[in-house]
Amino acid sequence: MKAEPCTYAIFGATGNLSRIKLMPALYHLDAANRLPEGTRILAIGRRPWDQQKWLEEVRQMIQAKAPGDFDETVFQRFSARLYYHQGDIKQAQCYTELVDTLNRENQFPKNIAFYLSISPADFGTVMEMLSTNRLFDEEHGWRRVIIEKPFGYDLDSAQALQKRISRYLAEEQIYRIDHYLGKGTVQNVLVFRFANVMLEPLWNRNYIDHIQITHSEDIGIGSRADYYDKAGAMRDMLQSHLLQLLTLVAMEPPVSMEAESLRDEKVKVLKSIRPIPREAVHGHAFRAQYTKGRIGGEQVGGYLQEDGIPANSMTETYAAIKLYIDNWRWRGVPFYLRTGKRMAKAQSTISICFRHPPLQFFRGTEVQCMNPNWVLLGIQPEECIRIEMTVKEPGLEMRTRSTSLDASFRQQNEKPIDAYEDLLLDVLKGDRSLFLRFDEVEYAWRIVDPILQTWAIERDYIATYPAGSWGPEDSRRLFDKESQSWRSSLTPECN
């Protein structure tokens, strides 16, 4: 697919996402000569800024994000693409003036991508206004709308949001963005699985004992108290990012890598996940909240001491669940997903544990540690693929140790490409393979809704864990076997 010139109209362009991710990503695409000639970026925000002020702000955004990568020549070229439209997105005047701007200035391409970097509560209003002003008409060029998560607060709200959006847009015009899918290692999961024939015979219930997917953060909630206390770890990370990773690990080979084929297989996985009835929630899900502790040698406060958090909040900052996929490939294999804030280390990993080999062959030897094989995929900050195997140590005695076969695809000094660069470019190409279809969102909510509903009415107690730890010890109750435990390292462990 070829990227086509377009007008990127960014609602909420002065906000945090635009400042940290969108504008730096677009700048880096321009620096790499990946933005099509003629592409324009129209920022829409409430702040009373003029063009000069906007350019100054964008310069600061880019320099703050990657000071060593700033190139004045590139920025001058990039700044020629930038425009600022001041307006209140809740007022009709903003849209009539937007139409005038797009029509008056011949330099704006007729293809338009609307990026809604705004509160989900405003999605419906903005789309209604855009539709009323015929900005979704495709008579002279395509229209695409990029929507940031959260896609609803639960199943009912997600369906209501979709119902409202579908009044104005066809499904093929909607790009629901999950930036995790833009990460290089996440995409490499598909290549690793389907381009290496030696793996396919082993990638099933006969050889795999269990699979873990972890996203841990060492930071707290920062300035997001209002959002986070309503959402919690389950909604913020697990329902979206981690379930998407699960689908890539567990899906069947698609007919092709085209968007619909890929998403069809992901939906099949989500539909095959065994429902968790309310009476079984405690055996399949665990929540906890961080208390004070030490991270990086510094003392940090607990969640209830964060600014803006009620003293009686029961919101989880740690969530873990156990899932089963009831299909031929994965029947009986547990998938353990966990995410948490203020944990020992910031990292995202997929850890695949294979069944333990018989030990009879090594009876009467010096073998002390016989670990199962693992396939470890580091997503961030370290992008790597490692296969752990047992080998004999040099020497006369029969002693073994675990070693890693490193299939990492990025050199240590090679800078990773930000996920948003990949996804923003895919919008220009019309490639929706890394964006979510609504049925993916819907089935993901069906999986976690019973858990959230149970937690909502259980207000008496929530487990805790000290900041700087790997989470609550009691979360081990989710494991099916004594031999199973949380995998937190990308280096060999001897159990």
Protein backbone atom coordinates (compact mmCIF):
# COMPACT_ATOMS: atom_id res chain seq x y z
CA MET A 1 0.00 0.00 0.00
CA LYS A 2 1.18 3.49 -0.81
CA ALA A 3 0.78 6.40 1.59
CA GLU A 4 -1.36 9.15 0.07
CA PRO A 5 -1.13 12.87 0.82
CA CYS A 6 -3.79 13.98 3.26
CA THR A 7 -4.81 16.60 5.77
CA TYR A 8 -4.23 15.32 9.31
CA ALA A 9 -6.82 17.20 11.38
CA ILE A 10 -5.94 16.64 15.04
CA PHE A 11 -8.60 17.44 17.63
CA GLY A 12 -7.05 18.02 21.05
CA ALA A 13 -3.75 18.97 19.43
CA THR A 14 -2.59 20.99 22.44
CA GLY A 15 -3.12 18.07 24.84
CA ASN A 16 -0.74 15.60 26.40
CA LEU A 17 -0.96 12.85 23.75
CA SER A 18 -0.22 15.25 20.93
CA ARG A 19 2.64 16.81 22.87
CA ILE A 20 4.32 13.53 23.84
CA LYS A 21 3.46 11.24 20.92
CA LEU A 22 1.69 12.62 17.86
CA MET A 23 3.74 15.68 16.90
CA PRO A 24 7.12 14.00 17.58
CA ALA A 25 5.99 10.95 15.57
CA LEU A 26 4.91 13.07 12.60
CA TYR A 27 8.19 15.00 12.78
CA HIS A 28 10.22 11.78 12.72
CA LEU A 29 8.21 10.51 9.75
CA ASP A 30 9.05 13.72 7.92
CA ALA A 31 12.71 13.42 8.92
CA ALA A 32 12.74 9.91 7.41
CA ASN A 33 11.03 11.23 4.24
CA ARG A 34 8.03 8.99 4.90
CA LEU A 35 5.32 11.69 4.86
CA PRO A 36 3.90 12.08 1.35
CA GLU A 37 4.56 15.37 -0.40
CA GLY A 38 1.69 17.75 0.20
CA THR A 39 0.57 16.27 3.54
CA ARG A 40 -0.66 18.98 5.92
CA ILE A 41 -1.22 18.85 9.68
CA LEU A 42 -4.08 20.99 10.98
CA ALA A 43 -4.13 21.32 14.76
CA ILE A 44 -7.49 22.07 16.38
CA GLY A 45 -7.45 23.37 19.94
CA ARG A 46 -9.15 25.77 22.34
CA ARG A 47 -6.10 27.80 23.26
CA PRO A 48 -6.02 31.27 21.66
CA TRP A 49 -2.78 30.74 19.77
CA ASP A 50 -1.71 32.12 16.43
CA GLN A 51 0.43 30.33 13.85
CA GLN A 52 3.72 31.56 15.28
CA LYS A 53 2.83 30.47 18.81
CA TRP A 54 1.81 27.03 17.54
CA LEU A 55 5.12 26.55 15.73
CA GLU A 56 6.99 27.52 18.90
CA GLU A 57 4.99 24.99 20.88
CA VAL A 58 5.64 22.22 18.35
CA ARG A 59 9.35 22.99 18.39
CA GLN A 60 9.34 22.57 22.18
CA MET A 61 7.35 19.32 21.93
CA ILE A 62 9.88 17.78 19.57
CA GLN A 63 12.96 19.04 21.39
CA ALA A 64 11.62 17.81 24.73
CA LYS A 65 10.85 14.35 23.34
CA ALA A 66 14.15 13.71 21.55
CA PRO A 67 16.60 16.60 22.01
CA GLY A 68 19.44 14.76 20.30
CA ASP A 69 17.38 14.10 17.17
CA PHE A 70 16.28 17.65 16.48
CA ASP A 71 17.35 18.95 13.07
CA GLU A 72 16.63 22.57 12.23
CA THR A 73 16.51 21.92 8.48
CA VAL A 74 13.99 19.12 8.94
CA PHE A 75 11.93 21.25 11.31
CA GLN A 76 11.71 24.09 8.80
CA ARG A 77 10.38 21.65 6.22
CA PHE A 78 8.03 20.11 8.78
CA SER A 79 6.75 23.48 10.01
CA ALA A 80 5.61 24.31 6.48
CA ARG A 81 3.05 21.51 6.89
CA LEU A 82 1.64 22.87 10.17
CA TYR A 83 -1.48 25.00 10.69
CA TYR A 84 -3.46 25.92 13.79
CA HIS A 85 -7.24 26.29 14.02
CA GLN A 86 -8.53 27.77 17.27
CA GLY A 87 -11.99 26.72 18.37
CA ASP A 88 -14.15 25.07 21.01
CA ILE A 89 -15.10 21.60 19.75
CA LYS A 90 -18.43 21.83 21.59
CA GLN A 91 -19.48 24.93 19.64
CA ALA A 92 -20.93 24.88 16.11
CA GLN A 93 -18.83 27.89 15.11
CA CYS A 94 -15.65 25.81 15.39
CA TYR A 95 -16.83 23.55 12.55
CA THR A 96 -18.19 26.19 10.20
CA GLU A 97 -14.87 28.00 10.47
CA LEU A 98 -13.05 24.70 9.96
CA VAL A 99 -14.96 24.15 6.72
CA ASP A 100 -14.02 27.66 5.59
CA THR A 101 -10.36 27.02 6.41
CA LEU A 102 -10.24 23.74 4.51
CA ASN A 103 -12.02 25.22 1.49
CA ARG A 104 -10.22 28.55 1.49
CA GLU A 105 -6.71 27.19 1.63
CA ASN A 106 -5.90 25.29 -1.55
CA GLN A 107 -2.88 23.70 0.08
CA PHE A 108 -5.01 21.30 2.14
CA PRO A 109 -5.33 17.88 0.43
CA LYS A 110 -8.90 16.66 -0.05
CA ASN A 111 -8.16 13.38 1.73
CA ILE A 112 -8.72 14.04 5.43
CA ALA A 113 -7.80 11.97 8.51
CA PHE A 114 -9.47 13.20 11.70
CA TYR A 115 -7.52 12.25 14.83
CA LEU A 116 -9.73 12.44 17.94
CA SER A 117 -7.21 12.96 20.74
CA ILE A 118 -10.04 13.96 23.07
CA SER A 119 -12.20 12.54 25.83
CA PRO A 120 -14.43 9.65 24.68
CA ALA A 121 -17.36 11.61 26.12
CA ASP A 122 -16.85 14.12 23.29
CA PHE A 123 -16.58 11.59 20.43
CA GLY A 124 -20.28 11.65 19.61
CA THR A 125 -20.56 15.45 19.67
CA VAL A 126 -17.53 15.95 17.44
CA MET A 127 -18.68 13.34 14.92
CA GLU A 128 -22.18 14.79 14.80
CA MET A 129 -20.77 18.25 14.13
CA LEU A 130 -18.39 16.97 11.46
CA SER A 131 -21.24 15.09 9.79
CA THR A 132 -23.60 18.07 9.96
CA ASN A 133 -20.99 20.18 8.19
CA ARG A 134 -20.51 17.46 5.55
CA LEU A 135 -16.90 16.93 6.52
CA PHE A 136 -17.39 13.16 6.27
CA ASP A 137 -18.51 13.35 2.63
CA GLU A 138 -16.11 11.43 0.38
CA GLU A 139 -17.05 13.06 -2.89
CA HIS A 140 -13.59 14.59 -3.37
CA GLY A 141 -11.40 12.39 -1.16
CA TRP A 142 -11.41 9.73 1.55
CA ARG A 143 -12.30 10.33 5.19
CA ARG A 144 -10.73 8.36 8.04
CA VAL A 145 -11.27 8.84 11.77
CA ILE A 146 -8.70 7.72 14.35
CA ILE A 147 -10.10 7.03 17.82
CA GLU A 148 -8.02 6.62 20.97
CA LYS A 149 -8.94 4.22 23.77
CA PRO A 150 -10.79 3.78 26.02
CA PHE A 151 -13.50 2.45 23.72
CA GLY A 152 -16.19 2.65 26.35
CA TYR A 153 -16.19 2.03 30.10
CA ASP A 154 -17.83 -1.41 29.90
CA LEU A 155 -19.70 -3.53 27.36
CA ASP A 156 -22.88 -1.45 27.46
CA SER A 157 -21.11 1.88 27.02
CA ALA A 158 -18.90 0.48 24.25
CA GLN A 159 -21.98 -0.70 22.36
CA ALA A 160 -23.69 2.65 22.90
CA LEU A 161 -20.61 4.50 21.63
CA GLN A 162 -20.44 2.27 18.57
CA LYS A 163 -24.13 2.79 17.86
CA ARG A 164 -23.65 6.55 17.88
CA ILE A 165 -20.46 6.47 15.79
CA SER A 166 -22.04 4.19 13.18
CA ARG A 167 -24.67 6.83 12.45
CA TYR A 168 -21.99 8.89 10.75
CA LEU A 169 -19.24 6.49 9.67
CA ALA A 170 -18.84 3.12 7.99
CA GLU A 171 -16.67 0.60 9.83
CA GLU A 172 -13.95 0.85 7.18
CA GLN A 173 -13.58 4.57 7.96
CA ILE A 174 -12.90 3.99 11.66
CA TYR A 175 -9.36 3.42 12.92
CA ARG A 176 -9.44 2.40 16.60
CA ILE A 177 -5.86 2.78 17.68
CA ASP A 178 -4.08 0.54 20.16
CA HIS A 179 -0.51 1.81 20.12
CA TYR A 180 0.78 -1.51 21.49
CA LEU A 181 0.10 -3.07 18.11
CA GLY A 182 2.49 -0.59 16.51
CA LYS A 183 5.45 -1.80 18.54
CA GLY A 184 8.06 -3.68 16.53
CA THR A 185 8.25 -6.76 18.75
CA VAL A 186 4.46 -7.11 18.83
CA GLN A 187 4.36 -7.24 15.04
CA ASN A 188 7.34 -9.58 15.12
CA VAL A 189 5.24 -12.10 17.08
CA LEU A 190 3.43 -12.90 13.84
CA VAL A 191 6.65 -13.22 11.86
CA PHE A 192 8.28 -15.33 14.58
CA ARG A 193 5.30 -17.69 14.65
CA PHE A 194 4.38 -18.02 11.02
CA ALA A 195 7.71 -17.61 9.20
CA ASN A 196 9.55 -20.31 11.19
CA VAL A 197 8.19 -23.76 10.41
CA MET A 198 10.04 -25.40 13.31
CA LEU A 199 7.76 -23.63 15.82
CA GLU A 200 4.33 -24.56 14.47
CA PRO A 201 4.37 -28.25 15.57
CA LEU A 202 5.18 -27.12 19.14
CA TRP A 203 2.77 -24.18 19.39
CA ASN A 204 -0.13 -25.97 21.07
CA ARG A 205 -1.46 -27.69 24.18
CA ASN A 206 0.74 -30.76 23.64
CA TYR A 207 3.99 -28.91 24.30
CA ILE A 208 3.15 -25.61 26.02
CA ASP A 209 2.49 -25.66 29.76
CA HIS A 210 1.27 -22.08 30.17
CA ILE A 211 1.71 -18.56 28.81
CA GLN A 212 2.24 -15.32 30.73
CA ILE A 213 1.75 -11.77 29.45
CA THR A 214 3.04 -9.01 31.72
CA HIS A 215 2.97 -5.23 31.57
CA SER A 216 4.57 -3.64 34.62
CA GLU A 217 5.26 0.03 35.31
CA ASP A 218 7.49 1.55 37.96
CA ILE A 219 5.67 4.88 37.85
CA GLY A 220 2.50 5.87 39.67
CA ILE A 221 -0.55 7.57 38.21
CA GLY A 222 1.06 11.01 37.88
CA SER A 223 -1.51 13.67 37.02
CA ARG A 224 -4.11 11.14 35.78
CA ALA A 225 -5.94 10.71 39.09
CA ASP A 226 -9.36 11.66 37.74
CA TYR A 227 -9.15 9.21 34.84
CA TYR A 228 -7.32 6.41 36.59
CA ASP A 229 -9.48 6.20 39.69
CA LYS A 230 -12.51 5.64 37.45
CA ALA A 231 -10.74 3.18 35.16
CA GLY A 232 -8.26 1.10 37.14
CA ALA A 233 -5.65 -1.33 35.86
CA MET A 234 -8.14 -3.77 34.32
CA ARG A 235 -9.75 -1.19 32.03
CA ASP A 236 -6.60 0.84 31.43
CA MET A 237 -4.29 -1.94 30.29
CA LEU A 238 -5.56 -5.49 30.53
CA GLN A 239 -8.86 -5.20 28.65
CA SER A 240 -7.12 -3.57 25.70
CA HIS A 241 -3.37 -4.04 25.30
CA LEU A 242 -2.84 -7.39 27.00
CA LEU A 243 -5.82 -9.12 25.41
CA GLN A 244 -4.54 -7.94 22.04
CA LEU A 245 -1.17 -9.54 22.77
CA LEU A 246 -2.96 -12.74 23.73
CA THR A 247 -4.74 -12.87 20.38
CA LEU A 248 -1.46 -12.57 18.46
CA VAL A 249 0.13 -15.38 20.47
CA ALA A 250 -2.89 -17.69 20.24
CA MET A 251 -4.45 -17.00 16.82
CA GLU A 252 -4.51 -19.44 13.92
CA PRO A 253 -2.56 -18.55 10.77
CA PRO A 254 -4.60 -16.00 8.81
CA VAL A 255 -5.40 -16.49 5.14
CA SER A 256 -3.30 -13.39 4.45
CA MET A 257 -1.86 -10.42 6.31
CA GLU A 258 -4.63 -8.19 5.03
CA ALA A 259 -6.62 -6.37 7.69
CA GLU A 260 -9.83 -8.38 7.59
CA SER A 261 -8.12 -11.78 7.53
CA LEU A 262 -5.90 -10.86 10.46
CA ARG A 263 -8.73 -9.42 12.52
CA ASP A 264 -11.02 -12.36 11.76
CA GLU A 265 -8.52 -14.71 13.43
CA LYS A 266 -8.08 -12.42 16.43
CA VAL A 267 -11.84 -12.33 16.97
CA LYS A 268 -12.00 -16.13 16.80
CA VAL A 269 -9.57 -16.27 19.73
CA LEU A 270 -11.56 -13.78 21.80
CA LYS A 271 -14.80 -15.66 21.09
CA SER A 272 -13.16 -18.92 22.21
CA ILE A 273 -12.06 -17.62 25.61
CA ARG A 274 -13.98 -19.43 28.33
CA PRO A 275 -16.45 -17.05 30.06
CA ILE A 276 -15.80 -16.38 33.73
CA PRO A 277 -19.04 -16.62 35.73
CA ARG A 278 -19.36 -14.29 38.69
CA GLU A 279 -19.11 -17.11 41.21
CA ALA A 280 -15.70 -18.07 39.73
CA VAL A 281 -14.17 -14.59 39.61
CA HIS A 282 -11.99 -15.09 42.70
CA GLY A 283 -10.39 -18.16 41.18
CA HIS A 284 -9.62 -16.39 37.91
CA ALA A 285 -8.87 -12.77 38.81
CA PHE A 286 -6.91 -10.85 41.42
CA ARG A 287 -6.71 -7.14 42.18
CA ALA A 288 -4.52 -5.08 44.48
CA GLN A 289 -3.40 -1.53 45.25
CA TYR A 290 0.12 -0.27 45.85
CA THR A 291 1.17 1.12 49.21
CA LYS A 292 4.27 3.13 50.09
CA GLY A 293 7.65 1.64 49.25
CA ARG A 294 11.00 2.28 47.58
CA ILE A 295 11.70 2.51 43.86
CA GLY A 296 15.15 3.32 42.55
CA GLY A 297 16.34 4.07 46.06
CA GLU A 298 13.65 6.67 46.64
CA GLN A 299 10.70 6.49 49.00
CA VAL A 300 7.34 6.81 47.22
CA GLY A 301 3.84 7.08 48.61
CA GLY A 302 0.96 4.69 48.22
CA TYR A 303 -1.99 5.02 45.86
CA LEU A 304 -4.24 6.50 48.54
CA GLN A 305 -1.66 9.24 49.13
CA GLU A 306 -1.67 10.32 45.48
CA ASP A 307 -3.13 13.77 44.76
CA GLY A 308 -6.80 13.57 43.84
CA ILE A 309 -7.40 10.00 45.07
CA PRO A 310 -10.18 9.51 47.67
CA ALA A 311 -9.03 8.01 50.96
CA ASN A 312 -11.50 5.12 50.58
CA SER A 313 -10.75 4.32 46.92
CA MET A 314 -11.00 0.63 45.98
CA THR A 315 -9.54 1.12 42.50
CA GLU A 316 -7.03 -1.55 41.53
CA THR A 317 -3.54 -0.54 40.43
CA TYR A 318 -2.68 -4.22 39.89
CA ALA A 319 -4.83 -6.72 38.02
CA ALA A 320 -4.15 -10.33 37.08
CA ILE A 321 -6.40 -12.86 35.39
CA LYS A 322 -6.28 -16.49 34.31
CA LEU A 323 -7.95 -17.34 31.00
CA TYR A 324 -8.56 -20.52 29.03
CA ILE A 325 -9.11 -20.72 25.29
CA ASP A 326 -11.53 -23.52 24.51
CA ASN A 327 -10.38 -24.55 21.06
CA TRP A 328 -8.43 -27.47 19.62
CA ARG A 329 -5.01 -25.80 19.86
CA TRP A 330 -5.17 -24.38 23.38
CA ARG A 331 -7.64 -26.50 25.36
CA GLY A 332 -6.38 -26.75 28.97
CA VAL A 333 -3.47 -24.28 28.62
CA PRO A 334 -3.79 -21.40 31.11
CA PHE A 335 -2.98 -17.86 29.98
CA TYR A 336 -1.92 -15.60 32.85
CA LEU A 337 -2.15 -11.85 32.26
CA ARG A 338 -1.02 -9.20 34.76
CA THR A 339 -0.41 -5.48 34.85
CA GLY A 340 0.46 -3.08 37.62
CA LYS A 341 1.83 0.30 38.59
CA ARG A 342 4.68 1.06 41.00
CA MET A 343 6.21 -2.35 40.39
CA ALA A 344 9.87 -3.31 40.56
CA LYS A 345 10.63 -2.60 36.92
CA ALA A 346 8.97 -1.12 33.85
CA GLN A 347 8.70 -3.79 31.18
CA SER A 348 6.33 -5.64 28.88
CA THR A 349 6.95 -9.30 28.14
CA ILE A 350 5.37 -12.44 26.73
CA SER A 351 6.70 -15.58 28.43
CA ILE A 352 5.84 -18.98 26.95
CA CYS A 353 6.66 -21.95 29.18
CA PHE A 354 6.97 -25.38 27.59
CA ARG A 355 6.22 -28.62 29.35
CA HIS A 356 8.91 -30.11 31.57
CA PRO A 357 10.86 -33.01 30.04
CA PRO A 358 11.04 -36.39 31.83
CA LEU A 359 13.91 -36.45 34.36
CA GLN A 360 14.55 -40.21 34.51
CA PHE A 361 17.44 -39.97 32.05
CA PHE A 362 19.39 -37.80 34.52
CA ARG A 363 18.97 -39.96 37.63
CA GLY A 364 22.22 -40.55 39.48
CA THR A 365 23.91 -37.48 37.99
CA GLU A 366 24.96 -34.10 39.39
CA VAL A 367 22.07 -32.32 37.68
CA GLN A 368 20.54 -29.90 40.18
CA CYS A 369 18.52 -27.53 38.03
CA MET A 370 16.39 -28.72 35.16
CA ASN A 371 14.24 -25.89 33.91
CA PRO A 372 11.60 -26.15 31.19
CA ASN A 373 12.21 -24.41 27.89
CA TRP A 374 10.94 -20.86 27.59
CA VAL A 375 10.32 -18.54 24.67
CA LEU A 376 10.62 -14.96 25.93
CA LEU A 377 9.54 -11.95 23.92
CA GLY A 378 10.57 -8.58 25.30
CA ILE A 379 8.33 -5.79 24.01
CA GLN A 380 9.62 -2.82 25.99
CA PRO A 381 12.01 -1.38 26.97
CA GLU A 382 14.15 -4.24 25.66
CA GLU A 383 12.99 -5.54 22.29
CA CYS A 384 14.15 -9.12 22.04
CA ILE A 385 13.26 -12.73 21.37
CA ARG A 386 15.03 -15.38 23.43
CA ILE A 387 14.72 -19.15 23.60
CA GLU A 388 15.90 -20.76 26.84
CA MET A 389 17.43 -24.23 26.64
CA THR A 390 19.28 -26.53 29.02
CA VAL A 391 22.90 -27.37 28.17
CA LYS A 392 25.72 -29.27 29.87
CA GLU A 393 28.32 -27.23 31.69
CA PRO A 394 31.95 -27.74 30.61
CA GLY A 395 33.75 -30.26 32.82
CA LEU A 396 33.88 -33.93 33.75
CA GLU A 397 30.67 -34.02 35.78
CA MET A 398 27.17 -34.06 34.36
CA ARG A 399 26.02 -30.60 35.40
CA THR A 400 23.60 -28.46 33.47
CA ARG A 401 22.63 -24.83 33.20
CA SER A 402 20.10 -22.77 31.27
CA THR A 403 21.28 -20.65 28.38
CA SER A 404 19.50 -18.32 25.98
CA LEU A 405 19.47 -18.37 22.22
CA ASP A 406 19.12 -14.71 21.36
CA ALA A 407 17.04 -13.90 18.28
CA SER A 408 16.87 -10.17 18.98
CA PHE A 409 16.27 -8.15 15.84
CA ARG A 410 17.44 -4.76 17.10
CA GLN A 411 21.02 -3.85 17.95
CA GLN A 412 21.69 -2.27 21.34
CA ASN A 413 22.65 1.10 19.86
CA GLU A 414 19.79 1.09 17.35
CA LYS A 415 16.95 3.41 18.31
CA PRO A 416 13.46 1.88 18.30
CA ILE A 417 10.75 3.33 16.10
CA ASP A 418 7.90 4.78 18.10
CA ALA A 419 4.66 2.84 17.65
CA TYR A 420 2.76 5.96 16.66
CA GLU A 421 5.03 6.53 13.67
CA ASP A 422 4.03 3.17 12.25
CA LEU A 423 0.33 3.62 12.97
CA LEU A 424 0.07 7.20 11.70
CA LEU A 425 1.67 6.09 8.44
CA ASP A 426 -0.72 3.13 8.16
CA VAL A 427 -3.65 5.57 8.26
CA LEU A 428 -2.24 7.32 5.19
CA LYS A 429 -1.94 3.93 3.47
CA GLY A 430 -5.44 2.84 4.44
CA ASP A 431 -3.97 -0.24 6.15
CA ARG A 432 -6.24 -1.20 9.08
CA SER A 433 -4.50 -4.45 10.02
CA LEU A 434 -3.04 -2.96 13.22
CA PHE A 435 -6.25 -1.18 14.21
CA LEU A 436 -9.17 -2.70 16.09
CA ARG A 437 -12.48 -3.70 14.58
CA PHE A 438 -15.50 -3.21 16.82
CA ASP A 439 -16.14 -6.90 17.38
CA GLU A 440 -12.62 -7.16 18.87
CA VAL A 441 -13.50 -4.41 21.32
CA GLU A 442 -16.89 -5.95 22.07
CA TYR A 443 -15.59 -9.46 22.84
CA ALA A 444 -12.77 -8.05 24.97
CA TRP A 445 -15.36 -6.28 27.13
CA ARG A 446 -17.41 -9.48 27.37
CA ILE A 447 -14.38 -11.22 28.88
CA VAL A 448 -13.65 -8.69 31.64
CA ASP A 449 -17.14 -7.34 32.39
CA PRO A 450 -18.10 -10.07 34.91
CA ILE A 451 -14.87 -9.40 36.80
CA LEU A 452 -15.41 -5.65 36.89
CA GLN A 453 -19.02 -6.06 37.98
CA THR A 454 -17.96 -8.33 40.85
CA TRP A 455 -15.21 -5.97 41.97
CA ALA A 456 -17.62 -3.02 41.84
CA ILE A 457 -19.84 -4.50 44.54
CA GLU A 458 -17.02 -5.84 46.72
CA ARG A 459 -16.09 -2.68 48.59
CA ASP A 460 -14.84 -4.12 51.89
CA TYR A 461 -11.31 -5.19 51.03
CA ILE A 462 -8.60 -4.90 48.41
CA ALA A 463 -5.19 -6.57 48.67
CA THR A 464 -2.07 -4.40 48.74
CA TYR A 465 1.55 -4.64 47.65
CA PRO A 466 4.51 -2.38 48.47
CA ALA A 467 5.72 -0.04 45.75
CA GLY A 468 8.90 -1.42 44.20
CA SER A 469 7.80 -5.06 44.45
CA TRP A 470 6.58 -7.43 41.76
CA GLY A 471 3.04 -7.26 43.07
CA PRO A 472 1.06 -9.11 45.74
CA GLU A 473 2.27 -12.56 46.76
CA ASP A 474 -1.31 -13.79 47.01
CA SER A 475 -1.74 -13.44 43.24
CA ARG A 476 0.07 -16.79 43.01
CA ARG A 477 -3.24 -18.42 43.89
CA LEU A 478 -4.23 -18.05 40.24
CA PHE A 479 -1.69 -20.65 39.13
CA ASP A 480 -2.89 -24.16 38.35
CA LYS A 481 0.30 -25.90 39.49
CA GLU A 482 2.84 -25.51 42.28
CA SER A 483 5.58 -25.42 39.64
CA GLN A 484 4.11 -22.30 38.02
CA SER A 485 5.10 -18.82 39.15
CA TRP A 486 5.32 -15.33 37.72
CA ARG A 487 8.18 -14.87 35.26
CA SER A 488 9.71 -11.42 35.73
CA SER A 489 13.11 -11.76 34.08
CA LEU A 490 14.39 -12.11 30.53
CA THR A 491 17.51 -13.89 31.80
CA PRO A 492 17.60 -17.58 32.77
CA GLU A 493 16.13 -18.43 36.16
CA CYS A 494 16.78 -21.63 38.12
CA ASN A 495 13.71 -22.71 40.08
